[in-house]
PDB file of N, CA and C in Angstrom:
ATOM      1  N   UNK A   1      81.524   0.711   5.539  1.00  0.00           N
ATOM      2  CA  UNK A   1      80.680   1.499   5.993  1.00  0.00           C
ATOM      3  C   UNK A   1      80.742   2.840   5.362  1.00  0.00           C
ATOM      4  N   UNK A   2      79.754   3.523   5.338  1.00  0.00           N
ATOM      5  CA  UNK A   2      79.825   4.686   4.348  1.00  0.00           C
ATOM      6  C   UNK A   2      80.125   5.926   5.581  1.00  0.00           C
ATOM      7  N   UNK A   3      80.319   6.998   5.214  1.00  0.00           N
ATOM      8  CA  UNK A   3      80.581   8.207   5.899  1.00  0.00           C
ATOM      9  C   UNK A   3      79.388   8.487   6.913  1.00  0.00           C
ATOM     10  N   UNK A   4      78.193   8.509   6.209  1.00  0.00           N
ATOM     11  CA  UNK A   4      77.072   8.802   7.114  1.00  0.00           C
ATOM     12  C   UNK A   4      76.945   7.851   8.153  1.00  0.00           C
ATOM     13  N   UNK A   5      77.075   6.397   7.923  1.00  0.00           N
ATOM     14  CA  UNK A   5      76.800   5.400   9.076  1.00  0.00           C
ATOM     15  C   UNK A   5      77.899   5.768  10.257  1.00  0.00           C
ATOM     16  N   UNK A   6      79.089   5.969   9.640  1.00  0.00           N
ATOM     17  CA  UNK A   6      80.374   6.186  10.653  1.00  0.00           C
ATOM     18  C   UNK A   6      79.886   7.409  11.590  1.00  0.00           C
ATOM     19  N   UNK A   7      79.497   8.548  11.184  1.00  0.00           N
ATOM     20  CA  UNK A   7      79.351   9.688  11.907  1.00  0.00           C
ATOM     21  C   UNK A   7      77.913  10.072  12.053  1.00  0.00           C
ATOM     22  N   UNK A   8      76.963   9.011  12.117  1.00  0.00           N
ATOM     23  CA  UNK A   8      75.518   9.223  12.173  1.00  0.00           C
ATOM     24  C   UNK A   8      75.219   9.887  13.472  1.00  0.00           C
ATOM     25  N   UNK A   9      75.794   9.449  14.530  1.00  0.00           N
ATOM     26  CA  UNK A   9      75.542  10.116  15.781  1.00  0.00           C
ATOM     27  C   UNK A   9      76.099  11.653  15.906  1.00  0.00           C
ATOM     28  N   UNK A  10      77.186  11.748  15.568  1.00  0.00           N
ATOM     29  CA  UNK A  10      77.815  13.413  15.576  1.00  0.00           C
ATOM     30  C   UNK A  10      76.875  14.026  14.629  1.00  0.00           C
ATOM     31  N   UNK A  11      76.421  13.618  13.477  1.00  0.00           N
ATOM     32  CA  UNK A  11      75.624  14.539  12.575  1.00  0.00           C
ATOM     33  C   UNK A  11      74.296  14.751  13.311  1.00  0.00           C
ATOM     34  N   UNK A  12      73.753  13.645  13.762  1.00  0.00           N
ATOM     35  CA  UNK A  12      72.339  14.137  14.549  1.00  0.00           C
ATOM     36  C   UNK A  12      72.685  15.022  15.656  1.00  0.00           C
ATOM     37  N   UNK A  13      73.717  14.845  16.340  1.00  0.00           N
ATOM     38  CA  UNK A  13      73.773  15.758  17.477  1.00  0.00           C
ATOM     39  C   UNK A  13      74.257  17.187  16.956  1.00  0.00           C
ATOM     40  N   UNK A  14      74.889  17.359  15.738  1.00  0.00           N
ATOM     41  CA  UNK A  14      74.963  18.558  15.452  1.00  0.00           C
ATOM     42  C   UNK A  14      73.769  19.558  14.738  1.00  0.00           C
ATOM     43  N   UNK A  15      72.848  18.501  14.529  1.00  0.00           N
ATOM     44  CA  UNK A  15      71.617  18.968  13.710  1.00  0.00           C
ATOM     45  C   UNK A  15      70.785  19.470  14.907  1.00  0.00           C
ATOM     46  N   UNK A  16      70.679  18.628  16.170  1.00  0.00           N
ATOM     47  CA  UNK A  16      70.138  18.774  17.324  1.00  0.00           C
ATOM     48  C   UNK A  16      70.661  20.145  17.847  1.00  0.00           C
ATOM     49  N   UNK A  17      71.796  20.532  18.009  1.00  0.00           N
ATOM     50  CA  UNK A  17      72.267  21.544  18.568  1.00  0.00           C
ATOM     51  C   UNK A  17      71.867  23.024  18.042  1.00  0.00           C
ATOM     52  N   UNK A  18      71.936  22.714  16.358  1.00  0.00           N
ATOM     53  CA  UNK A  18      71.704  23.747  15.586  1.00  0.00           C
ATOM     54  C   UNK A  18      70.134  24.203  15.479  1.00  0.00           C
ATOM     55  N   UNK A  19      69.145  23.077  15.927  1.00  0.00           N
ATOM     56  CA  UNK A  19      67.798  23.479  16.037  1.00  0.00           C
ATOM     57  C   UNK A  19      67.689  24.090  17.320  1.00  0.00           C
ATOM     58  N   UNK A  20      68.336  23.733  18.369  1.00  0.00           N
ATOM     59  CA  UNK A  20      68.074  24.268  19.711  1.00  0.00           C
ATOM     60  C   UNK A  20      68.513  25.774  19.850  1.00  0.00           C
ATOM     61  N   UNK A  21      69.484  26.121  18.984  1.00  0.00           N
ATOM     62  CA  UNK A  21      70.036  27.474  19.083  1.00  0.00           C
ATOM     63  C   UNK A  21      68.903  28.447  18.220  1.00  0.00           C
ATOM     64  N   UNK A  22      68.182  27.804  17.348  1.00  0.00           N
ATOM     65  CA  UNK A  22      67.175  28.622  16.882  1.00  0.00           C
ATOM     66  C   UNK A  22      65.966  28.696  17.587  1.00  0.00           C
ATOM     67  N   UNK A  23      65.862  27.754  18.252  1.00  0.00           N
ATOM     68  CA  UNK A  23      64.558  27.628  19.414  1.00  0.00           C
ATOM     69  C   UNK A  23      64.983  28.898  20.391  1.00  0.00           C
ATOM     70  N   UNK A  24      66.164  28.666  20.648  1.00  0.00           N
ATOM     71  CA  UNK A  24      66.613  29.929  21.821  1.00  0.00           C
ATOM     72  C   UNK A  24      66.401  31.120  21.233  1.00  0.00           C
ATOM     73  N   UNK A  25      67.006  31.370  19.963  1.00  0.00           N
ATOM     74  CA  UNK A  25      66.636  32.848  19.536  1.00  0.00           C
ATOM     75  C   UNK A  25      65.293  33.304  19.373  1.00  0.00           C
ATOM     76  N   UNK A  26      64.139  32.438  19.164  1.00  0.00           N
ATOM     77  CA  UNK A  26      62.886  32.633  19.169  1.00  0.00           C
ATOM     78  C   UNK A  26      62.292  33.202  20.362  1.00  0.00           C
ATOM     79  N   UNK A  27      62.796  32.460  21.518  1.00  0.00           N
ATOM     80  CA  UNK A  27      62.436  32.512  22.755  1.00  0.00           C
ATOM     81  C   UNK A  27      62.928  33.831  23.361  1.00  0.00           C
ATOM     82  N   UNK A  28      64.397  34.228  22.998  1.00  0.00           N
ATOM     83  CA  UNK A  28      64.841  35.531  23.427  1.00  0.00           C
ATOM     84  C   UNK A  28      64.120  36.462  22.658  1.00  0.00           C
ATOM     85  N   UNK A  29      63.392  36.405  21.686  1.00  0.00           N
ATOM     86  CA  UNK A  29      62.407  37.393  21.166  1.00  0.00           C
ATOM     87  C   UNK A  29      61.304  37.782  22.101  1.00  0.00           C
ATOM     88  N   UNK A  30      61.062  36.600  22.696  1.00  0.00           N
ATOM     89  CA  UNK A  30      59.822  36.858  23.598  1.00  0.00           C
ATOM     90  C   UNK A  30      60.181  37.096  25.076  1.00  0.00           C
ATOM     91  N   UNK A  31      61.227  36.953  25.346  1.00  0.00           N
ATOM     92  CA  UNK A  31      61.768  37.208  26.913  1.00  0.00           C
ATOM     93  C   UNK A  31      61.224  38.529  27.525  1.00  0.00           C
ATOM     94  N   UNK A  32      61.168  39.593  26.659  1.00  0.00           N
ATOM     95  CA  UNK A  32      60.891  41.072  27.474  1.00  0.00           C
ATOM     96  C   UNK A  32      59.364  41.492  27.115  1.00  0.00           C
ATOM     97  N   UNK A  33      58.529  40.434  26.434  1.00  0.00           N
ATOM     98  CA  UNK A  33      57.243  40.580  26.079  1.00  0.00           C
ATOM     99  C   UNK A  33      56.151  40.146  27.100  1.00  0.00           C
ATOM    100  N   UNK A  34      54.933  40.882  26.789  1.00  0.00           N
ATOM    101  CA  UNK A  34      53.785  40.123  27.691  1.00  0.00           C
ATOM    102  C   UNK A  34      52.818  39.890  26.681  1.00  0.00           C
ATOM    103  N   UNK A  35      51.809  39.146  27.274  1.00  0.00           N
ATOM    104  CA  UNK A  35      50.678  39.024  26.694  1.00  0.00           C
ATOM    105  C   UNK A  35      49.754  40.274  26.550  1.00  0.00           C
ATOM    106  N   UNK A  36      49.211  40.504  25.365  1.00  0.00           N
ATOM    107  CA  UNK A  36      48.464  41.687  25.190  1.00  0.00           C
ATOM    108  C   UNK A  36      47.066  41.884  25.746  1.00  0.00           C
ATOM    109  N   UNK A  37      46.671  40.717  26.239  1.00  0.00           N
ATOM    110  CA  UNK A  37      45.260  40.643  26.908  1.00  0.00           C
ATOM    111  C   UNK A  37      45.368  40.442  28.555  1.00  0.00           C
ATOM    112  N   UNK A  38      46.304  39.726  28.725  1.00  0.00           N
ATOM    113  CA  UNK A  38      46.289  39.503  30.254  1.00  0.00           C
ATOM    114  C   UNK A  38      47.564  39.848  31.004  1.00  0.00           C
ATOM    115  N   UNK A  39      48.656  40.211  30.175  1.00  0.00           N
ATOM    116  CA  UNK A  39      49.590  40.497  31.001  1.00  0.00           C
ATOM    117  C   UNK A  39      50.766  39.551  31.339  1.00  0.00           C
ATOM    118  N   UNK A  40      50.512  38.195  30.952  1.00  0.00           N
ATOM    119  CA  UNK A  40      51.503  37.109  31.302  1.00  0.00           C
ATOM    120  C   UNK A  40      52.660  37.339  30.809  1.00  0.00           C
ATOM    121  N   UNK A  41      53.997  37.312  31.517  1.00  0.00           N
ATOM    122  CA  UNK A  41      55.180  37.538  31.042  1.00  0.00           C
ATOM    123  C   UNK A  41      56.211  36.262  31.052  1.00  0.00           C
ATOM    124  N   UNK A  42      55.483  35.030  31.453  1.00  0.00           N
ATOM    125  CA  UNK A  42      56.534  34.022  31.501  1.00  0.00           C
ATOM    126  C   UNK A  42      56.679  33.556  29.908  1.00  0.00           C
ATOM    127  N   UNK A  43      57.859  33.507  29.787  1.00  0.00           N
ATOM    128  CA  UNK A  43      58.501  33.404  28.264  1.00  0.00           C
ATOM    129  C   UNK A  43      57.684  32.176  27.670  1.00  0.00           C
ATOM    130  N   UNK A  44      57.774  30.994  28.564  1.00  0.00           N
ATOM    131  CA  UNK A  44      57.360  29.511  27.961  1.00  0.00           C
ATOM    132  C   UNK A  44      55.920  29.701  27.773  1.00  0.00           C
ATOM    133  N   UNK A  45      55.111  30.525  28.192  1.00  0.00           N
ATOM    134  CA  UNK A  45      53.722  30.570  27.920  1.00  0.00           C
ATOM    135  C   UNK A  45      53.492  31.344  26.722  1.00  0.00           C
ATOM    136  N   UNK A  46      54.281  32.255  26.373  1.00  0.00           N
ATOM    137  CA  UNK A  46      53.823  32.941  25.225  1.00  0.00           C
ATOM    138  C   UNK A  46      54.067  32.750  23.889  1.00  0.00           C
ATOM    139  N   UNK A  47      53.284  33.109  22.819  1.00  0.00           N
ATOM    140  CA  UNK A  47      53.361  32.544  21.410  1.00  0.00           C
ATOM    141  C   UNK A  47      52.908  33.771  20.649  1.00  0.00           C
ATOM    142  N   UNK A  48      53.289  33.729  19.254  1.00  0.00           N
ATOM    143  CA  UNK A  48      53.042  34.841  18.395  1.00  0.00           C
ATOM    144  C   UNK A  48      51.561  34.176  17.891  1.00  0.00           C
ATOM    145  N   UNK A  49      50.569  35.191  17.692  1.00  0.00           N
ATOM    146  CA  UNK A  49      49.375  34.757  17.445  1.00  0.00           C
ATOM    147  C   UNK A  49      49.057  35.622  16.151  1.00  0.00           C
ATOM    148  N   UNK A  50      48.650  34.932  14.937  1.00  0.00           N
ATOM    149  CA  UNK A  50      48.148  33.521  14.836  1.00  0.00           C
ATOM    150  C   UNK A  50      49.077  32.390  14.226  1.00  0.00           C
ATOM    151  N   UNK A  51      50.477  32.816  14.020  1.00  0.00           N
ATOM    152  CA  UNK A  51      51.448  32.286  13.344  1.00  0.00           C
ATOM    153  C   UNK A  51      52.241  31.440  14.087  1.00  0.00           C
ATOM    154  N   UNK A  52      51.952  31.253  15.223  1.00  0.00           N
ATOM    155  CA  UNK A  52      53.307  30.588  16.198  1.00  0.00           C
ATOM    156  C   UNK A  52      53.725  29.522  15.635  1.00  0.00           C
ATOM    157  N   UNK A  53      52.976  28.333  15.370  1.00  0.00           N
ATOM    158  CA  UNK A  53      53.581  26.893  14.599  1.00  0.00           C
ATOM    159  C   UNK A  53      54.376  27.373  13.264  1.00  0.00           C
ATOM    160  N   UNK A  54      53.938  28.265  12.532  1.00  0.00           N
ATOM    161  CA  UNK A  54      54.566  28.434  11.150  1.00  0.00           C
ATOM    162  C   UNK A  54      56.112  29.422  11.381  1.00  0.00           C
ATOM    163  N   UNK A  55      55.937  30.259  12.433  1.00  0.00           N
ATOM    164  CA  UNK A  55      57.185  31.120  12.891  1.00  0.00           C
ATOM    165  C   UNK A  55      58.081  29.941  13.346  1.00  0.00           C
ATOM    166  N   UNK A  56      57.898  29.232  13.942  1.00  0.00           N
ATOM    167  CA  UNK A  56      58.845  28.224  14.777  1.00  0.00           C
ATOM    168  C   UNK A  56      59.195  27.360  13.779  1.00  0.00           C
ATOM    169  N   UNK A  57      58.396  26.772  12.836  1.00  0.00           N
ATOM    170  CA  UNK A  57      59.048  25.690  11.794  1.00  0.00           C
ATOM    171  C   UNK A  57      59.822  26.268  10.825  1.00  0.00           C
ATOM    172  N   UNK A  58      59.539  27.545  10.437  1.00  0.00           N
ATOM    173  CA  UNK A  58      60.379  28.264   9.687  1.00  0.00           C
ATOM    174  C   UNK A  58      61.851  28.672  10.367  1.00  0.00           C
ATOM    175  N   UNK A  59      61.722  29.012  11.495  1.00  0.00           N
ATOM    176  CA  UNK A  59      62.631  29.450  12.402  1.00  0.00           C
ATOM    177  C   UNK A  59      63.894  28.304  12.063  1.00  0.00           C
ATOM    178  N   UNK A  60      63.309  27.047  12.507  1.00  0.00           N
ATOM    179  CA  UNK A  60      64.115  25.698  12.579  1.00  0.00           C
ATOM    180  C   UNK A  60      64.732  25.545  11.457  1.00  0.00           C
ATOM    181  N   UNK A  61      64.286  25.940  10.254  1.00  0.00           N
ATOM    182  CA  UNK A  61      64.644  25.570   8.978  1.00  0.00           C
ATOM    183  C   UNK A  61      65.636  26.359   8.230  1.00  0.00           C
ATOM    184  N   UNK A  62      65.661  27.506   8.978  1.00  0.00           N
ATOM    185  CA  UNK A  62      66.642  28.692   8.596  1.00  0.00           C
ATOM    186  C   UNK A  62      67.788  28.593   9.274  1.00  0.00           C
ATOM    187  N   UNK A  63      68.857  29.350   9.082  1.00  0.00           N
ATOM    188  CA  UNK A  63      69.946  29.446   9.763  1.00  0.00           C
ATOM    189  C   UNK A  63      69.883  30.893  10.526  1.00  0.00           C
ATOM    190  N   UNK A  64      70.813  31.086  11.493  1.00  0.00           N
ATOM    191  CA  UNK A  64      70.880  32.216  12.317  1.00  0.00           C
ATOM    192  C   UNK A  64      71.517  33.668  11.789  1.00  0.00           C
ATOM    193  N   UNK A  65      71.907  33.363  10.472  1.00  0.00           N
ATOM    194  CA  UNK A  65      72.430  34.486   9.974  1.00  0.00           C
ATOM    195  C   UNK A  65      71.304  35.823   9.750  1.00  0.00           C
ATOM    196  N   UNK A  66      71.831  37.123   9.934  1.00  0.00           N
ATOM    197  CA  UNK A  66      70.659  38.248   9.836  1.00  0.00           C
ATOM    198  C   UNK A  66      69.719  38.051   8.491  1.00  0.00           C
ATOM    199  N   UNK A  67      70.483  37.757   7.184  1.00  0.00           N
ATOM    200  CA  UNK A  67      69.674  37.872   6.271  1.00  0.00           C
ATOM    201  C   UNK A  67      68.789  36.728   6.232  1.00  0.00           C
ATOM    202  N   UNK A  68      68.921  35.521   6.709  1.00  0.00           N
ATOM    203  CA  UNK A  68      67.834  34.455   6.899  1.00  0.00           C
ATOM    204  C   UNK A  68      66.913  34.858   7.766  1.00  0.00           C
ATOM    205  N   UNK A  69      67.162  35.774   8.853  1.00  0.00           N
ATOM    206  CA  UNK A  69      66.139  35.781   9.713  1.00  0.00           C
ATOM    207  C   UNK A  69      65.030  36.740   9.266  1.00  0.00           C
ATOM    208  N   UNK A  70      65.511  37.685   8.321  1.00  0.00           N
ATOM    209  CA  UNK A  70      64.561  38.761   7.967  1.00  0.00           C
ATOM    210  C   UNK A  70      63.075  38.369   7.895  1.00  0.00           C
ATOM    211  N   UNK A  71      62.939  37.349   6.873  1.00  0.00           N
ATOM    212  CA  UNK A  71      61.755  36.966   6.601  1.00  0.00           C
ATOM    213  C   UNK A  71      60.682  36.389   7.917  1.00  0.00           C
ATOM    214  N   UNK A  72      61.485  35.826   8.990  1.00  0.00           N
ATOM    215  CA  UNK A  72      60.953  35.458  10.246  1.00  0.00           C
ATOM    216  C   UNK A  72      60.545  36.560  10.842  1.00  0.00           C
ATOM    217  N   UNK A  73      61.272  37.725  10.977  1.00  0.00           N
ATOM    218  CA  UNK A  73      61.258  38.905  11.774  1.00  0.00           C
ATOM    219  C   UNK A  73      59.919  39.597  11.268  1.00  0.00           C
ATOM    220  N   UNK A  74      59.890  39.555   9.726  1.00  0.00           N
ATOM    221  CA  UNK A  74      58.769  40.199   9.072  1.00  0.00           C
ATOM    222  C   UNK A  74      57.479  39.663   9.369  1.00  0.00           C
ATOM    223  N   UNK A  75      57.318  38.052   9.466  1.00  0.00           N
ATOM    224  CA  UNK A  75      56.366  37.643  10.022  1.00  0.00           C
ATOM    225  C   UNK A  75      55.719  37.675  11.426  1.00  0.00           C
ATOM    226  N   UNK A  76      56.688  37.904  12.106  1.00  0.00           N
ATOM    227  CA  UNK A  76      56.633  38.157  13.564  1.00  0.00           C
ATOM    228  C   UNK A  76      56.104  39.316  13.812  1.00  0.00           C
ATOM    229  N   UNK A  77      56.461  40.299  13.027  1.00  0.00           N
ATOM    230  CA  UNK A  77      55.875  41.825  13.175  1.00  0.00           C
ATOM    231  C   UNK A  77      54.490  42.024  12.676  1.00  0.00           C
ATOM    232  N   UNK A  78      53.832  40.945  11.902  1.00  0.00           N
ATOM    233  CA  UNK A  78      52.385  40.848  11.788  1.00  0.00           C
ATOM    234  C   UNK A  78      51.833  39.945  12.949  1.00  0.00           C
ATOM    235  N   UNK A  79      52.271  39.721  13.744  1.00  0.00           N
ATOM    236  CA  UNK A  79      51.609  38.698  14.732  1.00  0.00           C
ATOM    237  C   UNK A  79      51.710  39.737  16.078  1.00  0.00           C
ATOM    238  N   UNK A  80      50.471  39.095  16.723  1.00  0.00           N
ATOM    239  CA  UNK A  80      50.574  39.719  18.319  1.00  0.00           C
ATOM    240  C   UNK A  80      51.119  38.792  19.240  1.00  0.00           C
ATOM    241  N   UNK A  81      51.553  39.206  20.434  1.00  0.00           N
ATOM    242  CA  UNK A  81      52.240  38.080  21.451  1.00  0.00           C
ATOM    243  C   UNK A  81      51.015  37.879  22.535  1.00  0.00           C
ATOM    244  N   UNK A  82      50.790  36.645  22.677  1.00  0.00           N
ATOM    245  CA  UNK A  82      49.373  36.280  23.389  1.00  0.00           C
ATOM    246  C   UNK A  82      50.146  35.001  24.266  1.00  0.00           C
ATOM    247  N   UNK A  83      49.474  35.081  25.693  1.00  0.00           N
ATOM    248  CA  UNK A  83      49.912  33.466  26.335  1.00  0.00           C
ATOM    249  C   UNK A  83      48.993  32.359  25.490  1.00  0.00           C
ATOM    250  N   UNK A  84      49.432  31.337  26.248  1.00  0.00           N
ATOM    251  CA  UNK A  84      48.705  29.929  25.455  1.00  0.00           C
ATOM    252  C   UNK A  84      47.183  29.901  26.108  1.00  0.00           C
ATOM    253  N   UNK A  85      47.043  30.295  27.128  1.00  0.00           N
ATOM    254  CA  UNK A  85      45.552  30.356  27.604  1.00  0.00           C
ATOM    255  C   UNK A  85      44.720  31.700  26.785  1.00  0.00           C
ATOM    256  N   UNK A  86      45.198  32.647  26.310  1.00  0.00           N
ATOM    257  CA  UNK A  86      44.367  33.728  25.728  1.00  0.00           C
ATOM    258  C   UNK A  86      44.317  33.166  24.326  1.00  0.00           C
ATOM    259  N   UNK A  87      45.600  32.477  23.739  1.00  0.00           N
ATOM    260  CA  UNK A  87      45.425  31.933  22.260  1.00  0.00           C
ATOM    261  C   UNK A  87      44.275  30.821  22.414  1.00  0.00           C
ATOM    262  N   UNK A  88      44.145  30.047  23.048  1.00  0.00           N
ATOM    263  CA  UNK A  88      43.207  28.963  23.383  1.00  0.00           C
ATOM    264  C   UNK A  88      41.610  29.890  23.267  1.00  0.00           C
ATOM    265  N   UNK A  89      41.578  30.749  23.983  1.00  0.00           N
ATOM    266  CA  UNK A  89      40.294  31.625  23.853  1.00  0.00           C
ATOM    267  C   UNK A  89      39.934  32.228  22.475  1.00  0.00           C
ATOM    268  N   UNK A  90      41.089  32.525  21.970  1.00  0.00           N
ATOM    269  CA  UNK A  90      40.816  33.299  20.829  1.00  0.00           C
ATOM    270  C   UNK A  90      40.528  32.335  19.533  1.00  0.00           C
ATOM    271  N   UNK A  91      41.233  31.195  19.777  1.00  0.00           N
ATOM    272  CA  UNK A  91      40.997  30.035  18.761  1.00  0.00           C
ATOM    273  C   UNK A  91      39.475  29.421  18.825  1.00  0.00           C
ATOM    274  N   UNK A  92      38.961  29.879  19.972  1.00  0.00           N
ATOM    275  CA  UNK A  92      37.337  29.319  20.412  1.00  0.00           C
ATOM    276  C   UNK A  92      36.492  30.582  20.139  1.00  0.00           C
ATOM    277  N   UNK A  93      37.090  31.511  19.622  1.00  0.00           N
ATOM    278  CA  UNK A  93      36.078  32.840  19.180  1.00  0.00           C
ATOM    279  C   UNK A  93      35.396  33.301  20.331  1.00  0.00           C
ATOM    280  N   UNK A  94      36.440  33.487  21.843  1.00  0.00           N
ATOM    281  CA  UNK A  94      36.113  34.151  22.762  1.00  0.00           C
ATOM    282  C   UNK A  94      36.537  35.652  22.644  1.00  0.00           C
ATOM    283  N   UNK A  95      35.723  36.496  22.833  1.00  0.00           N
ATOM    284  CA  UNK A  95      36.538  37.910  22.546  1.00  0.00           C
ATOM    285  C   UNK A  95      37.185  38.340  23.778  1.00  0.00           C
ATOM    286  N   UNK A  96      38.342  38.893  23.520  1.00  0.00           N
ATOM    287  CA  UNK A  96      39.149  39.394  24.646  1.00  0.00           C
ATOM    288  C   UNK A  96      39.430  40.823  24.355  1.00  0.00           C
ATOM    289  N   UNK A  97      39.625  41.608  25.299  1.00  0.00           N
ATOM    290  CA  UNK A  97      40.271  43.155  25.212  1.00  0.00           C
ATOM    291  C   UNK A  97      41.509  43.292  25.638  1.00  0.00           C
ATOM    292  N   UNK A  98      42.331  43.869  24.849  1.00  0.00           N
ATOM    293  CA  UNK A  98      43.785  44.148  25.184  1.00  0.00           C
ATOM    294  C   UNK A  98      43.789  45.093  26.530  1.00  0.00           C
ATOM    295  N   UNK A  99      44.783  44.849  27.334  1.00  0.00           N
ATOM    296  CA  UNK A  99      45.053  45.612  28.609  1.00  0.00           C
ATOM    297  C   UNK A  99      45.492  46.770  28.246  1.00  0.00           C
ATOM    298  N   UNK A 100      45.413  47.988  28.750  1.00  0.00           N
ATOM    299  CA  UNK A 100      46.105  49.116  28.473  1.00  0.00           C
ATOM    300  C   UNK A 100      47.432  49.636  29.145  1.00  0.00           C
TER     301      UNK A 100
END
């Protein structure tokens, strides 16, 4: 039995925990934000537009050290915070006006 086979479950659990910590970090960035179009504030409905999927993928592949987070933070700065409903409208070319 190889080392990997012996500790397969433990290794997978460690990877799952690390990935969850990175997801929590991204969600914490959204915690005090609102959708710029409708004002929705529920964190689970907010996304970075237009690069939400890429930001989350990059975040999961990087560590949580500050130096590793800088490229993610730079990419986030180039995005708007929108709710999933407004994102769907934007993706279907429906014009929205930001709330003031």
